[in-house]
């Protein structure tokens, strides 16, 4: 599909930001996080975007060499905040080189972690999991069900108006409604002007019951739209607040492998599908343990081990695992654990995010390994018994 720039339409940075935030809403980020536009003129033209995990100098080098107008990273630049951006530090030099080169920087971090699809969906896809669902789901959007009754000839006009106001959206379907034929009855007052019947008489008339779901935040707008087009002077309507169910967004994902395998085999598979790092991939648990249900969390997700166990997972794939928590999890047989490099578990998301902009601008994904661990050496012993020499 041709990009906008290929058709002579060059998007502005604000347009790209709007597309990104439609998928990774900044309000989904944790309160401590630092997401959004870090630097760049919202009115600047953007033809080429580079996606990377870390906003570090080697990524800026790549952006300059490839002619990128914008860098989108998963990790924030100044997560803890700062009082200056002098080029006397690595982060300060990143800011200066981006600004001097006319390159913007945008960050999608914990808002991309919980998005659907998000960082953990991409990791689950790489491992080959089916039936993926959130490991720690967030509550879904509060919903209402709005019910009213209209003559059959007014149904379509009513559905169109309520849909335009925000009702009737279920997943990727819109204008969703339930319609049921029935009979309405009423006695109009002497000062009324009923659409059907006459004042003072009991009237029975064919009506259609219309039910539509609507975000609770859109209640006033949807009701106003319904009343504006409803043919009756005094429409009958109900608002039913629906139970808030777990939504599609949330931390981590859990799914099943196409066929069971041992922990050792899954560890080797994870090492194969993720980009190579000096850290590599390691596992905690019985290597011969058979696993089928797998939980994943891109980035630091060791604290999700209890949630993985509750979800019925045999193993949790994540990064940055700590010694004591890992030991306790394995000794208590909660779940087995697979620990990969933090950078590697988040890198698969870059292609997904880049694809989302592919019809707007030219995109590329950095393959430069920016994981901070650079050297790994195997211990000389292969078993789990330390080799000690007595004096």
Protein backbone atom coordinates (compact mmCIF):
# COMPACT_ATOMS: atom_id res chain seq x y z
CA UNK A 1 0.00 0.00 0.00
CA UNK A 2 1.48 3.38 -0.97
CA UNK A 3 2.53 5.68 1.86
CA UNK A 4 1.17 9.19 2.22
CA UNK A 5 4.59 10.61 1.36
CA UNK A 6 4.58 8.56 -1.87
CA UNK A 7 1.38 10.40 -2.85
CA UNK A 8 2.88 13.81 -2.19
CA UNK A 9 1.34 14.18 1.28
CA UNK A 10 4.03 14.62 3.92
CA UNK A 11 2.71 14.05 7.45
CA UNK A 12 3.70 16.34 10.30
CA UNK A 13 5.22 15.12 13.54
CA UNK A 14 1.92 15.85 15.31
CA UNK A 15 0.18 13.47 12.87
CA UNK A 16 2.62 10.66 13.69
CA UNK A 17 2.24 11.33 17.41
CA UNK A 18 -1.55 11.12 17.04
CA UNK A 19 -1.26 7.75 15.27
CA UNK A 20 1.06 6.38 17.95
CA UNK A 21 -1.09 7.62 20.80
CA UNK A 22 -4.21 6.10 19.24
CA UNK A 23 -2.50 2.73 19.78
CA UNK A 24 -0.45 3.52 22.90
CA UNK A 25 -2.47 6.03 24.87
CA UNK A 26 -0.16 7.95 27.27
CA UNK A 27 -2.86 7.76 29.96
CA UNK A 28 -2.22 4.00 30.14
CA UNK A 29 1.35 4.59 31.36
CA UNK A 30 2.32 4.13 34.99
CA UNK A 31 2.38 7.37 37.05
CA UNK A 32 6.17 7.18 37.43
CA UNK A 33 6.78 6.74 33.70
CA UNK A 34 8.00 9.34 31.19
CA UNK A 35 6.31 8.79 27.84
CA UNK A 36 5.31 10.91 24.87
CA UNK A 37 7.15 13.44 22.75
CA UNK A 38 10.57 14.20 24.25
CA UNK A 39 11.88 16.56 21.58
CA UNK A 40 10.86 17.72 18.13
CA UNK A 41 8.66 20.38 16.50
CA UNK A 42 5.08 19.09 16.12
CA UNK A 43 4.84 21.00 12.83
CA UNK A 44 7.98 19.43 11.34
CA UNK A 45 7.67 17.10 8.34
CA UNK A 46 8.29 13.40 8.96
CA UNK A 47 9.18 11.06 6.12
CA UNK A 48 11.22 8.39 7.88
CA UNK A 49 10.93 6.89 11.38
CA UNK A 50 13.44 4.66 13.18
CA UNK A 51 12.25 2.33 15.94
CA UNK A 52 14.61 1.20 18.71
CA UNK A 53 14.46 -0.06 22.28
CA UNK A 54 16.89 2.44 23.84
CA UNK A 55 17.47 6.18 23.20
CA UNK A 56 21.27 5.92 23.24
CA UNK A 57 24.01 7.49 21.16
CA UNK A 58 24.48 4.54 18.81
CA UNK A 59 20.79 4.75 17.92
CA UNK A 60 21.14 8.47 17.21
CA UNK A 61 24.08 7.60 14.92
CA UNK A 62 21.80 5.20 13.06
CA UNK A 63 19.02 7.77 12.81
CA UNK A 64 21.40 10.34 11.33
CA UNK A 65 22.93 7.88 8.88
CA UNK A 66 19.54 6.65 7.64
CA UNK A 67 18.00 10.12 7.38
CA UNK A 68 15.32 9.49 10.01
CA UNK A 69 13.20 12.46 11.05
CA UNK A 70 11.90 10.74 14.16
CA UNK A 71 13.15 8.07 16.57
CA UNK A 72 10.56 6.06 18.49
CA UNK A 73 11.96 4.17 21.47
CA UNK A 74 10.45 1.92 24.09
CA UNK A 75 12.64 3.09 26.95
CA UNK A 76 12.44 6.69 28.18
CA UNK A 77 15.39 9.05 27.94
CA UNK A 78 15.06 10.72 31.34
CA UNK A 79 12.97 8.32 33.38
CA UNK A 80 13.91 10.01 36.65
CA UNK A 81 13.69 13.55 35.32
CA UNK A 82 16.54 16.02 34.99
CA UNK A 83 17.41 19.65 35.61
CA UNK A 84 19.70 20.03 32.61
CA UNK A 85 20.59 18.57 29.22
CA UNK A 86 24.20 19.70 28.89
CA UNK A 87 26.25 17.64 26.43
CA UNK A 88 28.57 16.61 29.26
CA UNK A 89 26.70 13.32 29.77
CA UNK A 90 25.60 10.58 27.37
CA UNK A 91 21.94 11.55 27.70
CA UNK A 92 22.73 15.22 27.24
CA UNK A 93 24.66 14.41 24.07
CA UNK A 94 21.65 12.45 22.79
CA UNK A 95 19.44 15.51 23.26
CA UNK A 96 21.91 17.86 21.58
CA UNK A 97 22.51 15.61 18.59
CA UNK A 98 18.79 15.01 18.08
CA UNK A 99 17.96 18.71 18.23
CA UNK A 100 20.94 19.69 16.05
CA UNK A 101 19.96 17.05 13.51
CA UNK A 102 16.33 18.08 13.48
CA UNK A 103 15.28 14.63 14.70
CA UNK A 104 12.37 14.10 17.06
CA UNK A 105 12.21 11.54 19.87
CA UNK A 106 9.02 9.84 21.00
CA UNK A 107 8.70 7.26 23.82
CA UNK A 108 6.04 4.55 24.32
CA UNK A 109 6.94 2.57 27.44
CA UNK A 110 4.52 1.15 30.00
CA UNK A 111 1.61 2.33 27.85
CA UNK A 112 2.96 0.00 25.13
CA UNK A 113 3.48 -2.75 27.72
CA UNK A 114 -0.23 -2.91 28.55
CA UNK A 115 -1.58 -2.15 25.07
CA UNK A 116 -3.42 -4.77 23.03
CA UNK A 117 -1.49 -5.64 20.99
CA UNK A 118 1.57 -4.57 22.91
CA UNK A 119 5.07 -5.59 23.93
CA UNK A 120 4.13 -8.95 25.44
CA UNK A 121 1.89 -9.86 22.48
CA UNK A 122 4.91 -9.50 20.20
CA UNK A 123 7.00 -11.69 22.52
CA UNK A 124 4.24 -14.32 22.64
CA UNK A 125 4.09 -14.33 18.84
CA UNK A 126 7.84 -14.90 18.56
CA UNK A 127 7.64 -17.88 20.91
CA UNK A 128 4.65 -19.28 19.01
CA UNK A 129 1.85 -19.10 21.59
CA UNK A 130 -1.81 -19.57 20.66
CA UNK A 131 -4.93 -18.38 22.47
CA UNK A 132 -3.09 -15.46 24.02
CA UNK A 133 -4.80 -13.45 26.76
CA UNK A 134 -3.62 -10.87 29.33
CA UNK A 135 -1.74 -12.36 32.26
CA UNK A 136 -2.72 -9.51 34.59
CA UNK A 137 -5.72 -7.94 32.83
CA UNK A 138 -6.80 -4.40 33.52
CA UNK A 139 -10.49 -3.63 34.01
CA UNK A 140 -12.28 -3.03 30.75
CA UNK A 141 -14.02 0.21 29.88
CA UNK A 142 -17.20 0.79 31.95
CA UNK A 143 -20.18 0.17 29.71
CA UNK A 144 -23.90 0.94 29.70
CA UNK A 145 -26.69 -0.80 27.87
CA UNK A 146 -29.20 1.71 26.54
CA UNK A 147 -32.68 0.42 25.73
CA UNK A 148 -35.51 2.23 23.97
CA UNK A 149 -38.60 1.47 21.88
CA UNK A 150 -39.44 2.92 18.47
CA UNK A 151 -41.66 2.21 15.45
CA UNK A 152 -39.97 -0.05 12.88
CA UNK A 153 -39.63 2.79 10.37
CA UNK A 154 -37.46 4.81 12.74
CA UNK A 155 -34.98 2.08 13.74
CA UNK A 156 -32.25 2.81 11.20
CA UNK A 157 -32.27 6.55 11.85
CA UNK A 158 -32.03 5.89 15.58
CA UNK A 159 -29.17 3.39 15.16
CA UNK A 160 -27.21 5.80 12.96
CA UNK A 161 -27.56 8.66 15.44
CA UNK A 162 -26.61 6.60 18.49
CA UNK A 163 -23.67 5.06 16.63
CA UNK A 164 -22.38 8.49 15.63
CA UNK A 165 -22.52 9.49 19.32
CA UNK A 166 -20.38 6.51 20.36
CA UNK A 167 -22.77 3.60 21.00
CA UNK A 168 -22.79 0.16 19.41
CA UNK A 169 -19.04 -0.53 19.31
CA UNK A 170 -18.07 -4.12 20.17
CA UNK A 171 -14.46 -4.93 19.34
CA UNK A 172 -13.90 -4.31 15.63
CA UNK A 173 -17.66 -4.18 14.95
CA UNK A 174 -19.77 -1.05 15.06
CA UNK A 175 -23.48 -0.18 14.85
CA UNK A 176 -24.12 -3.30 16.95
CA UNK A 177 -27.65 -3.58 18.34
CA UNK A 178 -30.26 -6.09 19.39
CA UNK A 179 -33.74 -5.62 17.91
CA UNK A 180 -36.90 -7.35 19.08
CA UNK A 181 -40.47 -6.81 17.91
CA UNK A 182 -43.16 -6.21 20.49
CA UNK A 183 -46.21 -4.20 21.43
CA UNK A 184 -46.21 -0.92 23.29
CA UNK A 185 -49.24 0.49 25.07
CA UNK A 186 -50.03 3.87 26.61
CA UNK A 187 -52.79 6.41 27.16
CA UNK A 188 -51.87 9.86 25.91
CA UNK A 189 -52.85 12.89 28.00
CA UNK A 190 -55.30 15.48 26.76
CA UNK A 191 -52.56 18.02 25.97
CA UNK A 192 -50.31 15.61 24.07
CA UNK A 193 -49.71 15.14 20.37
CA UNK A 194 -48.88 11.43 20.02
CA UNK A 195 -47.30 10.02 16.87
CA UNK A 196 -49.66 7.03 17.12
CA UNK A 197 -53.13 7.18 18.73
CA UNK A 198 -55.20 10.04 20.08
CA UNK A 199 -55.27 11.94 23.38
CA UNK A 200 -57.35 10.26 26.06
CA UNK A 201 -57.39 6.86 24.35
CA UNK A 202 -55.51 3.67 25.26
CA UNK A 203 -53.28 2.80 22.33
CA UNK A 204 -51.52 -0.40 21.41
CA UNK A 205 -48.89 -0.17 18.68
CA UNK A 206 -46.13 -2.29 17.16
CA UNK A 207 -42.70 -1.22 18.35
CA UNK A 208 -39.12 -2.44 18.12
CA UNK A 209 -37.06 -2.79 21.27
CA UNK A 210 -33.57 -1.41 20.55
CA UNK A 211 -30.59 -2.28 22.77
CA UNK A 212 -27.11 -0.86 22.28
CA UNK A 213 -24.00 -0.88 24.44
CA UNK A 214 -22.17 2.37 25.01
CA UNK A 215 -19.08 3.55 26.91
CA UNK A 216 -20.27 5.03 30.19
CA UNK A 217 -18.24 8.15 29.45
CA UNK A 218 -20.41 8.70 26.35
CA UNK A 219 -23.73 8.29 28.18
CA UNK A 220 -24.86 11.91 27.94
CA UNK A 221 -23.94 12.21 24.27
CA UNK A 222 -25.66 8.96 23.31
CA UNK A 223 -28.84 9.78 25.22
CA UNK A 224 -28.94 13.23 23.67
CA UNK A 225 -28.54 11.73 20.18
CA UNK A 226 -31.27 9.17 20.89
CA UNK A 227 -33.73 11.78 22.15
CA UNK A 228 -33.00 14.14 19.25
CA UNK A 229 -34.12 11.61 16.63
CA UNK A 230 -36.73 9.67 18.61
CA UNK A 231 -40.18 10.24 17.08
CA UNK A 232 -42.07 10.14 20.39
CA UNK A 233 -42.79 13.15 22.58
CA UNK A 234 -42.01 11.11 25.71
CA UNK A 235 -39.76 8.19 24.76
CA UNK A 236 -39.38 5.29 27.16
CA UNK A 237 -35.75 4.39 27.73
CA UNK A 238 -33.53 2.58 30.21
CA UNK A 239 -29.85 2.87 31.11
CA UNK A 240 -28.41 -0.32 32.56
CA UNK A 241 -24.91 -0.15 34.02
CA UNK A 242 -23.08 -3.32 33.00
CA UNK A 243 -20.54 -5.13 35.16
CA UNK A 244 -16.96 -4.04 34.46
CA UNK A 245 -15.18 -7.09 33.05
CA UNK A 246 -11.43 -7.67 32.49
CA UNK A 247 -10.35 -5.96 29.30
CA UNK A 248 -7.90 -6.84 26.53
CA UNK A 249 -5.18 -4.60 27.98
CA UNK A 250 -2.88 -5.53 30.85
CA UNK A 251 0.59 -6.70 31.81
CA UNK A 252 2.00 -9.89 30.35
CA UNK A 253 0.31 -12.53 28.23
CA UNK A 254 -0.40 -16.24 28.65
CA UNK A 255 -1.00 -18.80 25.89
CA UNK A 256 -0.30 -22.36 24.85
CA UNK A 257 2.36 -23.97 22.69
CA UNK A 258 1.28 -25.91 19.62
CA UNK A 259 2.83 -29.01 21.23
CA UNK A 260 4.31 -29.65 24.67
CA UNK A 261 8.08 -29.51 25.09
CA UNK A 262 10.54 -29.70 27.92
CA UNK A 263 11.80 -26.65 29.76
CA UNK A 264 15.21 -27.21 28.18
CA UNK A 265 13.66 -27.33 24.69
CA UNK A 266 11.61 -24.19 25.28
CA UNK A 267 14.68 -22.37 26.60
CA UNK A 268 16.56 -23.30 23.42
CA UNK A 269 13.60 -22.16 21.32
CA UNK A 270 13.44 -18.78 23.09
CA UNK A 271 17.17 -18.33 22.48
CA UNK A 272 16.60 -19.08 18.79
CA UNK A 273 13.68 -16.74 18.13
CA UNK A 274 14.95 -13.75 20.11
CA UNK A 275 17.88 -11.63 18.89
CA UNK A 276 21.25 -12.81 20.15
CA UNK A 277 22.75 -11.06 23.17
CA UNK A 278 25.76 -11.66 25.40
CA UNK A 279 23.31 -12.34 28.23
CA UNK A 280 21.70 -15.20 26.32
CA UNK A 281 18.80 -17.17 27.79
CA UNK A 282 18.77 -19.21 31.00
CA UNK A 283 16.14 -21.19 32.87
CA UNK A 284 15.34 -22.08 36.47
CA UNK A 285 13.60 -25.38 37.14
CA UNK A 286 13.84 -29.02 36.12
CA UNK A 287 15.18 -29.08 32.53
CA UNK A 288 13.03 -32.18 31.85
CA UNK A 289 9.82 -30.54 33.08
CA UNK A 290 7.15 -30.69 30.37
CA UNK A 291 5.59 -27.30 29.63
CA UNK A 292 2.59 -26.39 27.49
CA UNK A 293 1.03 -23.24 28.95
CA UNK A 294 3.46 -20.34 28.83
CA UNK A 295 3.27 -16.88 30.40
CA UNK A 296 5.41 -14.07 29.02
CA UNK A 297 6.23 -10.51 30.00
CA UNK A 298 8.52 -8.33 27.94
CA UNK A 299 11.00 -6.54 30.19
CA UNK A 300 11.12 -6.95 33.96
CA UNK A 301 8.28 -9.28 34.91
CA UNK A 302 9.57 -11.50 37.69
CA UNK A 303 6.88 -10.26 40.09
CA UNK A 304 4.26 -11.79 37.77
CA UNK A 305 5.22 -15.36 38.75
CA UNK A 306 2.24 -15.70 41.14
CA UNK A 307 -0.10 -14.42 38.43
CA UNK A 308 1.42 -16.91 35.98
CA UNK A 309 0.73 -19.73 38.44
CA UNK A 310 -2.88 -18.59 38.92
CA UNK A 311 -3.31 -18.54 35.15
CA UNK A 312 -2.21 -22.18 34.98
CA UNK A 313 1.13 -21.46 33.32
CA UNK A 314 3.93 -24.01 33.52
CA UNK A 315 6.63 -21.42 32.90
CA UNK A 316 7.12 -17.64 32.83
CA UNK A 317 9.38 -16.08 30.19
CA UNK A 318 10.65 -12.63 31.17
CA UNK A 319 13.85 -10.84 32.21
CA UNK A 320 15.78 -9.27 35.11
CA UNK A 321 14.99 -12.11 37.52
CA UNK A 322 16.40 -11.85 41.05
CA UNK A 323 18.17 -14.66 42.89
CA UNK A 324 16.03 -15.00 46.02
CA UNK A 325 12.67 -14.62 44.29
CA UNK A 326 13.75 -17.09 41.59
CA UNK A 327 14.94 -19.62 44.15
CA UNK A 328 11.73 -19.40 46.15
CA UNK A 329 9.55 -19.66 43.05
CA UNK A 330 11.32 -22.79 41.83
CA UNK A 331 11.64 -24.43 45.28
CA UNK A 332 7.93 -23.91 45.91
CA UNK A 333 7.21 -25.31 42.41
CA UNK A 334 5.14 -22.25 41.53
CA UNK A 335 6.29 -22.09 37.90
CA UNK A 336 9.51 -22.64 36.02
CA UNK A 337 11.28 -19.46 34.91
CA UNK A 338 13.10 -18.45 31.74
CA UNK A 339 15.27 -15.35 31.95
CA UNK A 340 16.28 -13.60 28.72
CA UNK A 341 17.98 -10.25 28.18
CA UNK A 342 15.69 -7.32 28.93
CA UNK A 343 16.44 -5.71 25.57
CA UNK A 344 15.78 -8.93 23.65
CA UNK A 345 12.33 -9.52 25.18
CA UNK A 346 11.15 -6.06 24.13
CA UNK A 347 12.78 -5.87 20.71
CA UNK A 348 10.06 -7.90 18.85
CA UNK A 349 7.53 -5.13 19.58
CA UNK A 350 9.45 -2.67 17.40
CA UNK A 351 8.34 -4.37 14.18
CA UNK A 352 4.71 -4.33 15.31
CA UNK A 353 4.85 -0.62 16.13
CA UNK A 354 6.67 0.14 12.88
CA UNK A 355 4.07 -1.75 10.85
CA UNK A 356 1.36 0.44 12.36
CA UNK A 357 2.93 3.49 10.63
CA UNK A 358 3.96 1.75 7.43
CA UNK A 359 1.12 3.25 5.38
CA UNK A 360 1.99 6.75 6.54
CA UNK A 361 5.79 7.00 6.47
CA UNK A 362 8.88 4.95 5.74
CA UNK A 363 9.84 2.94 8.81
CA UNK A 364 12.83 0.88 9.89
CA UNK A 365 13.75 -1.14 12.98
CA UNK A 366 17.17 -0.87 14.56
CA UNK A 367 18.96 -4.20 14.88
CA UNK A 368 21.78 -2.70 16.91
CA UNK A 369 22.05 -4.56 20.20
CA UNK A 370 21.87 -1.94 22.95
CA UNK A 371 21.63 -4.42 25.83
CA UNK A 372 24.21 -3.16 28.35
CA UNK A 373 25.70 -6.63 29.00
CA UNK A 374 28.54 -7.18 26.54
CA UNK A 375 30.51 -10.24 27.74
CA UNK A 376 29.36 -13.71 28.76
CA UNK A 377 31.53 -16.70 29.65
CA UNK A 378 30.28 -20.16 30.58
CA UNK A 379 31.42 -21.57 33.91
CA UNK A 380 33.84 -24.50 33.58
CA UNK A 381 31.43 -26.87 35.38
CA UNK A 382 28.21 -27.93 33.68
CA UNK A 383 26.27 -29.15 36.72
CA UNK A 384 24.88 -27.18 39.66
CA UNK A 385 27.59 -28.18 42.14
CA UNK A 386 30.22 -25.54 42.87
CA UNK A 387 33.84 -26.68 42.39
CA UNK A 388 35.67 -25.95 45.66
CA UNK A 389 39.31 -26.70 46.47
CA UNK A 390 40.26 -27.13 50.12
CA UNK A 391 43.39 -25.45 51.43
